[in-house]
């Protein structure tokens, strides 16, 4: 008697442990389509396969598509919650509620552990002792904020390479930087400045005002009227900005207000940040995978995704309605904050009015987003349909990856991978490759190296091992179409790697720039499209983007290489000694010709001076 899939699943369910953990559903293509958490894995998984369990069309569709499941046990439910969030961010399953493009959000980074910290932007929060503020969905808004702060509290934004040159730049002369490179400001004063920037970003303008008032009075008592006037001007500027912040509560509350708007399957969430009773900013986030999910599930999904990346957790979070598993979410937030966090759902009064007002803002943002999405779809859908028809694909490709190689006679060789999803660039999935294993000018071998490394990452992500829990989504996502910048030779080289790696089923084509010909596997003649056809326009745009991305990175690599000096290869010659040698002798050639005793006069040990001469 043949064993059916249903019988197999029943037997497997009996072997599932009755412990906390995370479970994953996969479809027939072994793609992860849903990630969930359970206090008791066995009971939760059994419920999915119980007739009549599906209460909504979304859950019904999930069960219909689920072809397999797996699970990971955890020590407790909080660990399961954290693992669930990591897996959702990694796989981005279609049936999970998740933030759109959350990897593309910006943070402001203040590396406070450095002597003269450089304030700059980052797209990743690391455990490196630095202060991070964000995430910000609007890069323009963050940059505008930083620009305003620099006028008030100047700080350096130059790269470490420029800073080490020890010369002030234009920023110093226009009073946007206090000149730490030439020690125009002490390390202690500069760090105090950076702490002030941190307070300002946290919305703690009252603390900053108090500190500046104390400094102004202290300077005045010392008869240091120049610094007292400077502190006075800063105080006036801060107070003007603080006055523009809207007073929301009568107390000194530290809270986030969350509201959302919904239209069909589209959900847009707005978060307002209240610090010391004043609204210091707000941000909007579109959600994917919400479908017909109820409000408690939508709010749980958003909070899990948002606060796992947020750099600040407030004392209270104000919600428009109840959230799933409130005790668990509250405990998790309190653990992240290090102090108690409360979740409030106001039914009346001022807080309820604020939630309603914020929901109206979310509805306006959602309408703007839908108008833009309709416009984009009206442009991209005909392109994808035309491309699928020209290349004889089964359906329009959702994810397209394009590869290009850039080098000069094999020198500083790099490869690029650009990604288009739904006909639009997915910039956060773009990747560079430094060519490691191919000596000399061999574009075919370089292309093969890039593809081999990319497919190895895809293969490792699809193995059911613990190593797949974390990873780069750009490499864990399977492409529907691969384009190669080149002709028949590049296509043959690519197909050789695709077949060896077991991915010969992914449609792969090459586009030659000279005559805009598309080369297809197994066809002697190239595919020719009209130059103004929608499909050709999309292919050219993707190919040109891959070429631009590769060329830009190649120039950076080449310029870095040009800035290196033979002195860098001598152990014991650090930045300070290198600077002293070049200032005294003027060039590496002059150092090469100088006697050892003259080098020793600069304070360099004789043994090191001799080794330097031998190396040069």
Protein backbone atom coordinates (compact mmCIF):
# COMPACT_ATOMS: atom_id res chain seq x y z
CA UNK A 1 0.00 0.00 0.00
CA UNK A 2 1.43 3.38 -1.07
CA UNK A 3 2.20 5.90 1.66
CA UNK A 4 0.51 9.26 0.96
CA UNK A 5 1.83 12.72 1.79
CA UNK A 6 -0.99 13.10 4.33
CA UNK A 7 0.07 9.92 6.15
CA UNK A 8 3.68 11.07 6.19
CA UNK A 9 2.75 14.45 7.67
CA UNK A 10 0.64 12.79 10.39
CA UNK A 11 3.53 10.56 11.40
CA UNK A 12 5.93 13.50 11.41
CA UNK A 13 3.54 15.57 13.54
CA UNK A 14 3.56 12.82 16.19
CA UNK A 15 7.35 13.19 16.40
CA UNK A 16 7.26 16.98 16.89
CA UNK A 17 8.32 17.93 20.45
CA UNK A 18 5.89 19.63 22.81
CA UNK A 19 8.27 22.53 23.52
CA UNK A 20 8.71 26.20 22.52
CA UNK A 21 10.18 26.89 19.14
CA UNK A 22 9.83 28.21 15.61
CA UNK A 23 8.34 26.43 12.62
CA UNK A 24 8.70 27.04 8.87
CA UNK A 25 6.40 26.07 6.00
CA UNK A 26 7.86 25.49 2.54
CA UNK A 27 6.07 25.28 -0.81
CA UNK A 28 6.61 22.76 -3.61
CA UNK A 29 9.72 24.68 -4.74
CA UNK A 30 11.15 24.42 -1.19
CA UNK A 31 10.85 28.18 -0.72
CA UNK A 32 9.99 29.33 2.83
CA UNK A 33 6.49 30.82 2.69
CA UNK A 34 5.72 31.25 6.39
CA UNK A 35 7.56 31.44 9.71
CA UNK A 36 5.71 31.11 13.01
CA UNK A 37 6.37 30.82 16.74
CA UNK A 38 4.73 28.49 19.23
CA UNK A 39 4.81 27.82 22.95
CA UNK A 40 4.02 24.19 22.08
CA UNK A 41 5.23 23.25 18.64
CA UNK A 42 3.27 20.00 18.38
CA UNK A 43 -0.10 21.59 19.16
CA UNK A 44 0.45 24.55 16.87
CA UNK A 45 1.55 22.47 13.87
CA UNK A 46 -1.27 19.97 14.36
CA UNK A 47 -3.81 22.79 14.29
CA UNK A 48 -2.82 23.76 10.75
CA UNK A 49 -3.69 20.29 9.48
CA UNK A 50 -7.01 20.09 11.37
CA UNK A 51 -10.07 20.45 9.07
CA UNK A 52 -11.78 23.80 9.49
CA UNK A 53 -8.76 25.51 11.08
CA UNK A 54 -8.39 28.17 8.35
CA UNK A 55 -10.43 31.16 9.50
CA UNK A 56 -9.31 33.52 6.73
CA UNK A 57 -8.53 33.26 3.04
CA UNK A 58 -4.89 34.06 3.78
CA UNK A 59 -4.47 31.10 6.16
CA UNK A 60 -6.41 28.84 3.79
CA UNK A 61 -4.07 29.77 0.94
CA UNK A 62 -1.04 29.18 3.19
CA UNK A 63 -2.20 25.65 4.07
CA UNK A 64 -2.96 24.90 0.43
CA UNK A 65 0.54 25.93 -0.67
CA UNK A 66 2.42 24.32 2.22
CA UNK A 67 4.22 21.23 0.99
CA UNK A 68 6.61 20.63 3.89
CA UNK A 69 7.47 21.92 7.34
CA UNK A 70 10.43 22.05 9.68
CA UNK A 71 11.04 23.41 13.15
CA UNK A 72 13.71 24.67 15.54
CA UNK A 73 13.24 24.25 19.30
CA UNK A 74 14.22 27.02 21.72
CA UNK A 75 14.73 27.26 25.49
CA UNK A 76 11.74 29.57 26.00
CA UNK A 77 9.13 31.65 24.23
CA UNK A 78 11.18 34.87 24.22
CA UNK A 79 14.01 33.07 22.38
CA UNK A 80 11.42 31.77 19.93
CA UNK A 81 10.15 35.33 19.39
CA UNK A 82 13.66 36.60 18.57
CA UNK A 83 14.39 33.65 16.26
CA UNK A 84 11.03 34.10 14.51
CA UNK A 85 11.90 37.72 13.76
CA UNK A 86 15.38 36.82 12.45
CA UNK A 87 13.97 34.17 10.14
CA UNK A 88 11.25 36.50 8.81
CA UNK A 89 13.90 39.14 8.01
CA UNK A 90 16.09 36.50 6.38
CA UNK A 91 13.51 34.72 4.22
CA UNK A 92 10.85 37.45 3.83
CA UNK A 93 8.08 34.79 3.51
CA UNK A 94 5.09 35.90 1.49
CA UNK A 95 2.54 35.00 4.22
CA UNK A 96 4.31 36.84 7.05
CA UNK A 97 3.68 40.47 7.95
CA UNK A 98 6.94 42.35 7.42
CA UNK A 99 8.34 45.80 6.77
CA UNK A 100 8.95 46.65 3.13
CA UNK A 101 12.65 47.16 2.27
CA UNK A 102 13.61 47.35 5.95
CA UNK A 103 17.24 46.65 5.03
CA UNK A 104 17.39 49.92 3.13
CA UNK A 105 16.70 52.12 6.17
CA UNK A 106 19.33 54.57 7.35
CA UNK A 107 20.81 55.07 10.80
CA UNK A 108 22.91 57.93 12.10
CA UNK A 109 26.08 56.54 13.69
CA UNK A 110 28.08 58.27 16.43
CA UNK A 111 31.24 56.21 17.19
CA UNK A 112 31.66 57.68 20.67
CA UNK A 113 34.54 55.32 21.58
CA UNK A 114 36.89 57.03 19.11
CA UNK A 115 39.08 60.02 20.03
CA UNK A 116 37.51 62.31 17.41
CA UNK A 117 34.33 60.52 16.29
CA UNK A 118 33.15 60.93 12.71
CA UNK A 119 29.39 61.33 12.49
CA UNK A 120 28.12 59.40 9.47
CA UNK A 121 25.31 57.26 8.07
CA UNK A 122 25.02 53.50 8.30
CA UNK A 123 22.59 50.89 7.02
CA UNK A 124 23.48 48.34 9.68
CA UNK A 125 23.58 48.43 13.47
CA UNK A 126 26.66 46.70 14.87
CA UNK A 127 27.73 45.91 18.41
CA UNK A 128 30.79 48.18 18.23
CA UNK A 129 30.16 50.59 21.09
CA UNK A 130 28.85 53.34 18.80
CA UNK A 131 25.53 55.16 19.29
CA UNK A 132 22.95 54.58 16.55
CA UNK A 133 19.80 56.59 15.88
CA UNK A 134 17.06 55.26 13.62
CA UNK A 135 15.90 53.55 11.55
CA UNK A 136 14.80 56.33 9.17
CA UNK A 137 12.78 55.44 6.08
CA UNK A 138 13.42 58.88 4.59
CA UNK A 139 17.12 59.44 3.88
CA UNK A 140 16.33 62.99 2.79
CA UNK A 141 14.69 63.76 6.15
CA UNK A 142 17.66 62.38 8.10
CA UNK A 143 20.21 64.28 5.99
CA UNK A 144 18.21 67.48 6.43
CA UNK A 145 18.18 66.96 10.20
CA UNK A 146 21.95 66.39 10.27
CA UNK A 147 22.50 69.51 8.18
CA UNK A 148 20.54 71.57 10.71
CA UNK A 149 22.43 70.07 13.65
CA UNK A 150 25.81 70.84 12.03
CA UNK A 151 24.89 74.51 11.83
CA UNK A 152 24.16 74.43 15.53
CA UNK A 153 26.76 71.92 16.78
CA UNK A 154 29.55 71.56 14.19
CA UNK A 155 31.23 68.15 13.92
CA UNK A 156 33.37 66.27 11.42
CA UNK A 157 31.94 64.07 8.66
CA UNK A 158 35.12 63.55 6.60
CA UNK A 159 36.56 60.08 6.02
CA UNK A 160 39.35 58.78 8.24
CA UNK A 161 41.80 58.96 5.29
CA UNK A 162 41.17 62.69 4.84
CA UNK A 163 41.19 63.27 8.61
CA UNK A 164 44.65 61.68 8.94
CA UNK A 165 46.10 64.26 6.51
CA UNK A 166 45.95 66.70 9.44
CA UNK A 167 44.67 69.73 7.53
CA UNK A 168 41.41 71.60 7.97
CA UNK A 169 39.10 71.70 4.96
CA UNK A 170 36.30 73.96 3.75
CA UNK A 171 33.93 72.67 6.45
CA UNK A 172 36.10 74.32 9.10
CA UNK A 173 36.12 77.67 7.33
CA UNK A 174 32.33 77.71 6.91
CA UNK A 175 31.94 76.73 10.58
CA UNK A 176 30.54 73.24 9.98
CA UNK A 177 33.48 71.49 11.69
CA UNK A 178 35.57 72.55 14.73
CA UNK A 179 38.82 71.34 13.11
CA UNK A 180 39.81 68.30 15.21
CA UNK A 181 42.26 67.22 12.46
CA UNK A 182 44.53 70.16 13.41
CA UNK A 183 43.63 69.85 17.10
CA UNK A 184 41.71 73.15 16.98
CA UNK A 185 39.48 71.52 19.62
CA UNK A 186 40.50 69.17 22.42
CA UNK A 187 39.39 65.55 22.49
CA UNK A 188 37.34 66.16 25.65
CA UNK A 189 35.51 69.17 24.20
CA UNK A 190 34.87 67.35 20.92
CA UNK A 191 33.44 64.30 22.70
CA UNK A 192 31.22 66.64 24.72
CA UNK A 193 30.01 68.05 21.38
CA UNK A 194 29.18 64.57 20.10
CA UNK A 195 27.27 63.81 23.30
CA UNK A 196 25.27 67.00 22.67
CA UNK A 197 24.45 65.75 19.17
CA UNK A 198 23.27 62.48 20.73
CA UNK A 199 21.03 64.32 23.17
CA UNK A 200 19.58 66.37 20.34
CA UNK A 201 18.86 63.23 18.26
CA UNK A 202 17.12 61.68 21.27
CA UNK A 203 14.87 64.74 21.55
CA UNK A 204 16.40 65.66 24.93
CA UNK A 205 16.73 69.36 24.12
CA UNK A 206 15.90 70.29 27.74
CA UNK A 207 19.00 68.47 29.03
CA UNK A 208 21.10 70.10 26.32
CA UNK A 209 19.71 73.53 27.20
CA UNK A 210 20.53 72.98 30.88
CA UNK A 211 24.11 71.94 30.08
CA UNK A 212 24.68 74.91 27.78
CA UNK A 213 23.28 77.32 30.37
CA UNK A 214 25.75 75.97 32.95
CA UNK A 215 28.64 76.34 30.47
CA UNK A 216 27.56 79.88 29.55
CA UNK A 217 27.39 80.94 33.21
CA UNK A 218 30.72 79.26 33.98
CA UNK A 219 32.39 81.02 31.02
CA UNK A 220 30.91 84.36 32.08
CA UNK A 221 32.17 83.89 35.65
CA UNK A 222 35.67 83.25 34.23
CA UNK A 223 35.29 86.46 32.17
CA UNK A 224 35.56 84.29 29.04
CA UNK A 225 32.95 86.36 27.23
CA UNK A 226 33.77 85.02 23.76
CA UNK A 227 32.82 81.43 24.71
CA UNK A 228 29.89 82.69 26.80
CA UNK A 229 28.51 84.45 23.71
CA UNK A 230 28.98 81.28 21.65
CA UNK A 231 27.03 79.22 24.21
CA UNK A 232 24.34 81.92 24.27
CA UNK A 233 23.91 81.72 20.48
CA UNK A 234 23.68 77.93 20.61
CA UNK A 235 21.08 78.17 23.38
CA UNK A 236 18.93 80.55 21.35
CA UNK A 237 19.10 78.28 18.29
CA UNK A 238 18.17 75.18 20.29
CA UNK A 239 15.30 76.95 22.00
CA UNK A 240 13.95 78.12 18.63
CA UNK A 241 13.97 74.53 17.35
CA UNK A 242 12.43 73.22 20.60
CA UNK A 243 9.63 75.79 20.33
CA UNK A 244 8.72 74.43 16.88
CA UNK A 245 8.22 70.93 18.31
CA UNK A 246 4.56 70.29 19.00
CA UNK A 247 3.60 69.85 22.65
CA UNK A 248 1.49 66.70 22.85
CA UNK A 249 1.22 65.92 26.55
CA UNK A 250 1.31 67.91 29.75
CA UNK A 251 3.87 65.62 31.36
CA UNK A 252 7.39 64.60 30.33
CA UNK A 253 6.35 61.43 28.54
CA UNK A 254 8.74 59.26 26.55
CA UNK A 255 6.55 57.24 24.22
CA UNK A 256 5.86 56.12 20.66
CA UNK A 257 2.39 56.48 19.16
CA UNK A 258 1.46 53.91 16.51
CA UNK A 259 -1.44 54.10 14.05
CA UNK A 260 -2.12 52.55 10.67
CA UNK A 261 -4.32 52.78 7.60
CA UNK A 262 -5.56 49.96 5.41
CA UNK A 263 -6.84 49.71 1.85
CA UNK A 264 -7.35 46.22 0.48
CA UNK A 265 -4.16 44.25 1.11
CA UNK A 266 -2.07 47.41 1.55
CA UNK A 267 -1.20 48.54 5.08
CA UNK A 268 0.78 51.65 6.05
CA UNK A 269 1.89 52.24 9.64
CA UNK A 270 2.85 55.64 11.04
CA UNK A 271 4.95 56.05 14.21
CA UNK A 272 5.21 59.36 16.09
CA UNK A 273 8.08 59.85 18.56
CA UNK A 274 7.20 61.76 21.73
CA UNK A 275 10.11 62.75 23.96
CA UNK A 276 9.72 64.88 27.07
CA UNK A 277 6.09 65.48 26.12
CA UNK A 278 6.93 66.87 22.66
CA UNK A 279 6.69 65.24 19.25
CA UNK A 280 10.24 65.26 17.92
CA UNK A 281 9.53 63.35 14.70
CA UNK A 282 7.51 60.70 12.92
CA UNK A 283 8.10 58.03 10.29
CA UNK A 284 6.03 55.80 8.04
CA UNK A 285 6.41 52.12 7.14
CA UNK A 286 4.62 50.08 4.50
CA UNK A 287 3.87 46.45 5.36
CA UNK A 288 3.98 43.38 3.16
CA UNK A 289 2.05 40.17 3.73
CA UNK A 290 -0.73 41.69 5.86
CA UNK A 291 -3.50 40.52 3.52
CA UNK A 292 -6.70 39.98 5.52
CA UNK A 293 -4.86 39.63 8.85
CA UNK A 294 -6.78 40.99 11.86
CA UNK A 295 -5.61 44.10 13.71
CA UNK A 296 -3.91 42.24 16.62
CA UNK A 297 -1.81 40.22 14.18
CA UNK A 298 -0.93 43.30 12.10
CA UNK A 299 0.22 45.21 15.19
CA UNK A 300 2.21 42.24 16.50
CA UNK A 301 3.93 41.75 13.15
CA UNK A 302 4.84 45.44 12.91
CA UNK A 303 6.12 45.75 16.47
CA UNK A 304 8.22 42.61 16.16
CA UNK A 305 9.85 43.82 12.94
CA UNK A 306 10.18 47.49 13.86
CA UNK A 307 11.50 47.33 17.41
CA UNK A 308 14.01 44.60 16.59
CA UNK A 309 15.83 47.24 14.49
CA UNK A 310 14.96 50.39 16.46
CA UNK A 311 17.83 51.95 18.42
CA UNK A 312 15.52 53.35 21.12
CA UNK A 313 12.64 51.69 22.94
CA UNK A 314 10.41 54.21 24.80
CA UNK A 315 8.80 53.87 28.20
CA UNK A 316 5.36 53.41 26.62
CA UNK A 317 3.96 52.40 23.25
CA UNK A 318 0.48 53.74 22.39
CA UNK A 319 -1.46 51.46 20.03
CA UNK A 320 -4.80 51.92 18.23
CA UNK A 321 -6.04 48.48 19.33
CA UNK A 322 -5.09 45.21 21.05
CA UNK A 323 -1.97 43.32 19.98
CA UNK A 324 -1.43 39.56 19.91
CA UNK A 325 0.53 38.19 22.88
CA UNK A 326 0.77 41.54 24.73
CA UNK A 327 2.57 40.09 27.78
CA UNK A 328 5.24 38.45 25.63
CA UNK A 329 5.74 41.60 23.50
CA UNK A 330 5.91 43.80 26.62
CA UNK A 331 8.49 41.50 28.23
CA UNK A 332 10.59 41.47 25.08
CA UNK A 333 10.52 45.28 24.78
CA UNK A 334 11.37 45.67 28.46
CA UNK A 335 14.35 43.36 28.00
CA UNK A 336 15.56 45.42 25.02
CA UNK A 337 15.11 48.70 26.90
CA UNK A 338 16.56 47.45 30.17
CA UNK A 339 13.63 49.00 32.04
CA UNK A 340 9.86 48.39 32.14
CA UNK A 341 7.83 49.15 29.01
CA UNK A 342 4.04 49.44 28.92
CA UNK A 343 1.62 49.03 26.02
CA UNK A 344 -1.44 51.28 26.13
CA UNK A 345 -4.64 51.21 24.04
CA UNK A 346 -6.47 54.48 24.88
CA UNK A 347 -10.24 54.44 24.40
CA UNK A 348 -10.91 58.15 24.91
CA UNK A 349 -9.25 61.42 25.77
CA UNK A 350 -6.21 63.20 24.36
CA UNK A 351 -4.17 60.08 23.60
CA UNK A 352 -7.02 58.56 21.61
CA UNK A 353 -7.33 61.80 19.66
CA UNK A 354 -3.61 61.66 18.87
CA UNK A 355 -3.94 58.07 17.60
CA UNK A 356 -6.87 59.09 15.39
CA UNK A 357 -4.96 62.08 14.03
CA UNK A 358 -1.94 59.88 13.29
CA UNK A 359 -4.17 57.34 11.52
CA UNK A 360 -5.34 60.13 9.20
CA UNK A 361 -1.71 60.89 8.36
CA UNK A 362 -1.14 57.17 7.66
CA UNK A 363 -4.19 57.13 5.34
CA UNK A 364 -2.81 60.08 3.37
CA UNK A 365 0.61 58.41 3.09
CA UNK A 366 -1.02 55.15 1.96
CA UNK A 367 -2.98 56.95 -0.74
CA UNK A 368 0.20 58.58 -2.02
CA UNK A 369 1.94 55.20 -2.01
CA UNK A 370 -0.89 53.52 -3.94
CA UNK A 371 -0.94 56.27 -6.57
CA UNK A 372 2.81 55.85 -7.07
CA UNK A 373 2.51 52.04 -7.14
CA UNK A 374 -0.27 52.17 -9.75
CA UNK A 375 1.90 54.43 -11.89
CA UNK A 376 4.91 52.13 -11.51
CA UNK A 377 2.88 49.01 -12.33
CA UNK A 378 1.41 50.65 -15.40
CA UNK A 379 4.98 51.21 -16.62
CA UNK A 380 6.71 47.99 -15.57
CA UNK A 381 4.09 45.31 -16.21
CA UNK A 382 4.08 45.83 -20.03
CA UNK A 383 7.91 45.72 -19.99
CA UNK A 384 8.05 42.45 -18.06
CA UNK A 385 5.32 40.89 -20.21
CA UNK A 386 7.12 41.94 -23.42
CA UNK A 387 10.45 40.61 -22.09
CA UNK A 388 8.88 37.25 -21.13
CA UNK A 389 7.33 37.00 -24.60
CA UNK A 390 10.60 37.87 -26.39
CA UNK A 391 12.64 35.37 -24.33
CA UNK A 392 9.91 32.71 -24.40
CA UNK A 393 9.65 32.57 -20.60
CA UNK A 394 6.76 30.82 -18.87
CA UNK A 395 5.80 33.98 -16.98
CA UNK A 396 7.11 37.53 -16.44
CA UNK A 397 10.23 37.34 -14.24
CA UNK A 398 9.79 38.82 -10.75
CA UNK A 399 13.50 38.88 -9.84
CA UNK A 400 16.15 39.62 -12.48
CA UNK A 401 19.88 39.55 -11.75
CA UNK A 402 22.49 41.00 -14.11
CA UNK A 403 26.27 40.51 -13.95
CA UNK A 404 29.17 42.53 -15.35
CA UNK A 405 32.97 42.50 -15.02
CA UNK A 406 35.18 45.60 -14.91
CA UNK A 407 39.00 45.65 -15.05
CA UNK A 408 41.95 47.11 -16.95
CA UNK A 409 44.14 44.31 -18.28
CA UNK A 410 43.17 42.23 -15.25
CA UNK A 411 44.14 44.93 -12.75
CA UNK A 412 41.78 45.81 -9.86
CA UNK A 413 39.18 43.44 -11.32
CA UNK A 414 35.67 43.54 -9.85
CA UNK A 415 32.32 42.00 -10.68
CA UNK A 416 28.88 43.47 -10.10
CA UNK A 417 25.45 41.99 -9.45
CA UNK A 418 22.44 44.25 -9.80
CA UNK A 419 18.91 43.16 -8.98
CA UNK A 420 15.57 44.28 -10.39
CA UNK A 421 12.34 43.12 -8.74
CA UNK A 422 8.99 43.74 -10.43
CA UNK A 423 10.82 45.74 -13.07
CA UNK A 424 12.36 48.21 -10.57
CA UNK A 425 15.90 48.42 -9.13
CA UNK A 426 16.37 46.72 -5.76
CA UNK A 427 19.40 48.78 -4.71
CA UNK A 428 19.79 47.16 -1.31
CA UNK A 429 20.36 43.82 -3.06
CA UNK A 430 23.17 45.08 -5.31
CA UNK A 431 26.49 43.34 -4.57
CA UNK A 432 30.17 43.77 -5.51
CA UNK A 433 32.73 40.99 -5.95
CA UNK A 434 36.49 41.44 -5.71
CA UNK A 435 38.05 38.95 -8.13
CA UNK A 436 40.20 36.65 -6.00
CA UNK A 437 41.27 33.63 -8.02
CA UNK A 438 41.79 34.77 -11.63
CA UNK A 439 45.23 36.21 -12.45
CA UNK A 440 45.57 38.40 -15.53
CA UNK A 441 42.96 39.58 -18.04
CA UNK A 442 40.41 36.78 -18.46
CA UNK A 443 36.86 38.13 -18.43
CA UNK A 444 35.31 34.69 -18.98
CA UNK A 445 37.04 33.16 -15.96
CA UNK A 446 36.23 36.24 -13.85
CA UNK A 447 32.55 35.97 -14.75
CA UNK A 448 32.61 32.29 -13.85
CA UNK A 449 34.18 33.07 -10.47
CA UNK A 450 31.50 35.65 -9.68
CA UNK A 451 28.63 33.33 -10.68
CA UNK A 452 30.16 30.39 -8.85
CA UNK A 453 30.47 32.37 -5.62
CA UNK A 454 26.94 33.73 -5.95
CA UNK A 455 25.41 30.28 -6.60
CA UNK A 456 27.37 28.73 -3.74
CA UNK A 457 25.70 31.24 -1.42
CA UNK A 458 22.29 30.32 -2.86
CA UNK A 459 23.01 26.61 -2.46
CA UNK A 460 24.13 26.98 1.16
CA UNK A 461 21.01 29.02 1.96
CA UNK A 462 18.74 26.26 0.65
CA UNK A 463 20.28 23.53 2.78
CA UNK A 464 18.24 22.67 5.83
CA UNK A 465 20.98 23.38 8.29
CA UNK A 466 21.31 25.73 11.23
CA UNK A 467 23.71 27.83 9.18
CA UNK A 468 20.86 29.03 7.00
CA UNK A 469 19.15 30.87 9.86
CA UNK A 470 21.05 34.07 9.17
CA UNK A 471 22.20 35.26 5.78
CA UNK A 472 22.22 37.87 3.09
CA UNK A 473 18.76 38.07 1.49
CA UNK A 474 20.28 39.14 -1.80
CA UNK A 475 22.09 35.81 -1.99
CA UNK A 476 19.33 33.67 -0.47
CA UNK A 477 16.73 34.84 -3.03
CA UNK A 478 16.51 32.71 -6.16
CA UNK A 479 16.49 34.69 -9.44
CA UNK A 480 13.83 34.11 -12.10
CA UNK A 481 16.12 35.40 -14.85
CA UNK A 482 19.88 35.97 -15.16
CA UNK A 483 21.34 38.44 -17.66
CA UNK A 484 25.02 38.61 -18.58
CA UNK A 485 26.67 41.70 -20.03
CA UNK A 486 28.47 40.23 -23.04
CA UNK A 487 28.11 37.97 -26.03
CA UNK A 488 28.22 34.28 -26.90
CA UNK A 489 31.49 33.67 -25.08
CA UNK A 490 30.26 35.14 -21.80
CA UNK A 491 26.98 33.21 -22.12
CA UNK A 492 28.80 29.90 -22.67
CA UNK A 493 31.04 30.56 -19.68
CA UNK A 494 28.03 31.38 -17.52
CA UNK A 495 26.04 28.32 -18.63
CA UNK A 496 28.97 26.08 -17.78
CA UNK A 497 28.91 27.30 -14.17
CA UNK A 498 25.08 27.18 -13.95
CA UNK A 499 25.01 23.56 -15.07
CA UNK A 500 27.84 22.50 -12.77
CA UNK A 501 26.10 24.16 -9.80
CA UNK A 502 22.77 22.49 -10.58
CA UNK A 503 20.93 25.66 -11.61
CA UNK A 504 20.62 25.07 -15.34
CA UNK A 505 16.84 25.57 -14.96
CA UNK A 506 17.25 29.30 -14.29
CA UNK A 507 16.78 31.12 -17.63
CA UNK A 508 20.08 32.77 -18.57
CA UNK A 509 20.78 35.16 -21.47
CA UNK A 510 23.52 37.54 -22.60
CA UNK A 511 23.16 41.01 -24.05
CA UNK A 512 25.88 42.33 -26.38
CA UNK A 513 26.10 46.10 -26.36
CA UNK A 514 27.47 46.66 -29.86
CA UNK A 515 24.32 45.65 -31.76
CA UNK A 516 22.00 45.16 -28.75
CA UNK A 517 21.66 41.43 -29.48
CA UNK A 518 20.28 38.98 -26.93
CA UNK A 519 22.02 35.59 -27.02
CA UNK A 520 20.01 32.59 -25.84
CA UNK A 521 21.19 29.06 -24.97
CA UNK A 522 20.91 26.58 -27.82
CA UNK A 523 20.22 29.21 -30.47
CA UNK A 524 22.71 30.07 -33.17
CA UNK A 525 21.05 33.36 -34.06
CA UNK A 526 20.59 36.12 -31.50
CA UNK A 527 17.19 37.45 -30.48
CA UNK A 528 16.62 40.86 -32.01
CA UNK A 529 14.06 43.26 -30.57
CA UNK A 530 13.07 46.66 -31.77
CA UNK A 531 15.20 49.25 -30.03
CA UNK A 532 12.18 51.13 -28.72
CA UNK A 533 10.26 48.05 -27.55
CA UNK A 534 9.34 47.87 -23.82
CA UNK A 535 11.22 44.59 -23.31
CA UNK A 536 14.43 45.90 -24.90
CA UNK A 537 14.21 49.12 -22.89
CA UNK A 538 14.07 47.11 -19.64
CA UNK A 539 16.97 44.82 -20.62
CA UNK A 540 19.12 47.78 -21.63
CA UNK A 541 18.32 49.60 -18.40
CA UNK A 542 19.32 46.58 -16.30
CA UNK A 543 22.49 45.98 -18.32
CA UNK A 544 23.51 49.66 -18.14
CA UNK A 545 22.91 49.68 -14.39
CA UNK A 546 25.17 46.62 -13.95
CA UNK A 547 27.85 48.30 -16.06
CA UNK A 548 27.59 51.56 -14.09
CA UNK A 549 27.73 49.72 -10.77
CA UNK A 550 30.82 47.72 -11.82
CA UNK A 551 32.66 50.73 -13.26
CA UNK A 552 32.00 52.86 -10.17
CA UNK A 553 33.38 50.22 -7.83
CA UNK A 554 36.34 49.53 -10.13
CA UNK A 555 37.29 53.21 -9.99
CA UNK A 556 37.12 53.18 -6.19
CA UNK A 557 39.34 50.10 -5.99
CA UNK A 558 41.80 51.61 -8.46
CA UNK A 559 41.94 54.94 -6.61
CA UNK A 560 42.55 53.20 -3.27
CA UNK A 561 45.35 51.20 -4.85
CA UNK A 562 46.87 54.37 -6.30
CA UNK A 563 46.94 55.95 -2.83
CA UNK A 564 48.96 53.14 -1.28
CA UNK A 565 52.67 53.70 -0.71
CA UNK A 566 55.66 51.31 -0.56
CA UNK A 567 56.09 52.57 2.99
CA UNK A 568 52.82 50.83 3.96
CA UNK A 569 54.46 47.43 3.46
CA UNK A 570 57.24 48.07 6.00
CA UNK A 571 56.42 46.69 9.43
CA UNK A 572 57.05 49.35 12.07
CA UNK A 573 56.31 52.29 9.76
CA UNK A 574 52.92 53.54 10.89
CA UNK A 575 50.96 56.65 9.85
CA UNK A 576 52.97 59.02 12.08
CA UNK A 577 56.41 57.82 10.89
CA UNK A 578 55.21 57.70 7.30
CA UNK A 579 54.01 61.31 7.57
CA UNK A 580 57.32 62.42 9.17
CA UNK A 581 59.40 60.70 6.47
CA UNK A 582 57.44 62.20 3.59
CA UNK A 583 57.41 65.69 5.14
CA UNK A 584 61.20 65.59 5.65
CA UNK A 585 62.30 63.92 2.39
CA UNK A 586 59.41 64.90 0.11
CA UNK A 587 59.07 61.58 -1.77
CA UNK A 588 59.66 57.84 -1.57
CA UNK A 589 62.50 58.19 -4.10
CA UNK A 590 64.31 60.67 -1.82
CA UNK A 591 63.92 58.26 1.12
CA UNK A 592 65.34 55.49 -1.06
CA UNK A 593 68.43 57.58 -1.82
CA UNK A 594 68.94 58.95 1.72
CA UNK A 595 71.62 57.41 3.99
CA UNK A 596 70.47 55.39 7.01
CA UNK A 597 71.88 57.88 9.56
CA UNK A 598 69.75 60.69 8.11
CA UNK A 599 66.62 58.55 8.55
CA UNK A 600 67.69 57.79 12.11
CA UNK A 601 67.76 61.52 12.87
CA UNK A 602 63.96 61.52 12.56
CA UNK A 603 63.70 59.30 15.63
CA UNK A 604 63.47 56.00 13.73
CA UNK A 605 65.52 53.12 15.23
CA UNK A 606 68.59 52.17 13.20
CA UNK A 607 67.43 48.57 12.68
CA UNK A 608 64.05 49.78 11.36
CA UNK A 609 65.78 52.38 9.13
CA UNK A 610 67.98 49.65 7.65
CA UNK A 611 64.98 47.41 7.02
CA UNK A 612 63.17 50.35 5.40
CA UNK A 613 66.12 50.92 3.05
CA UNK A 614 66.26 47.22 2.15
CA UNK A 615 62.54 47.12 1.41
CA UNK A 616 62.69 50.23 -0.79
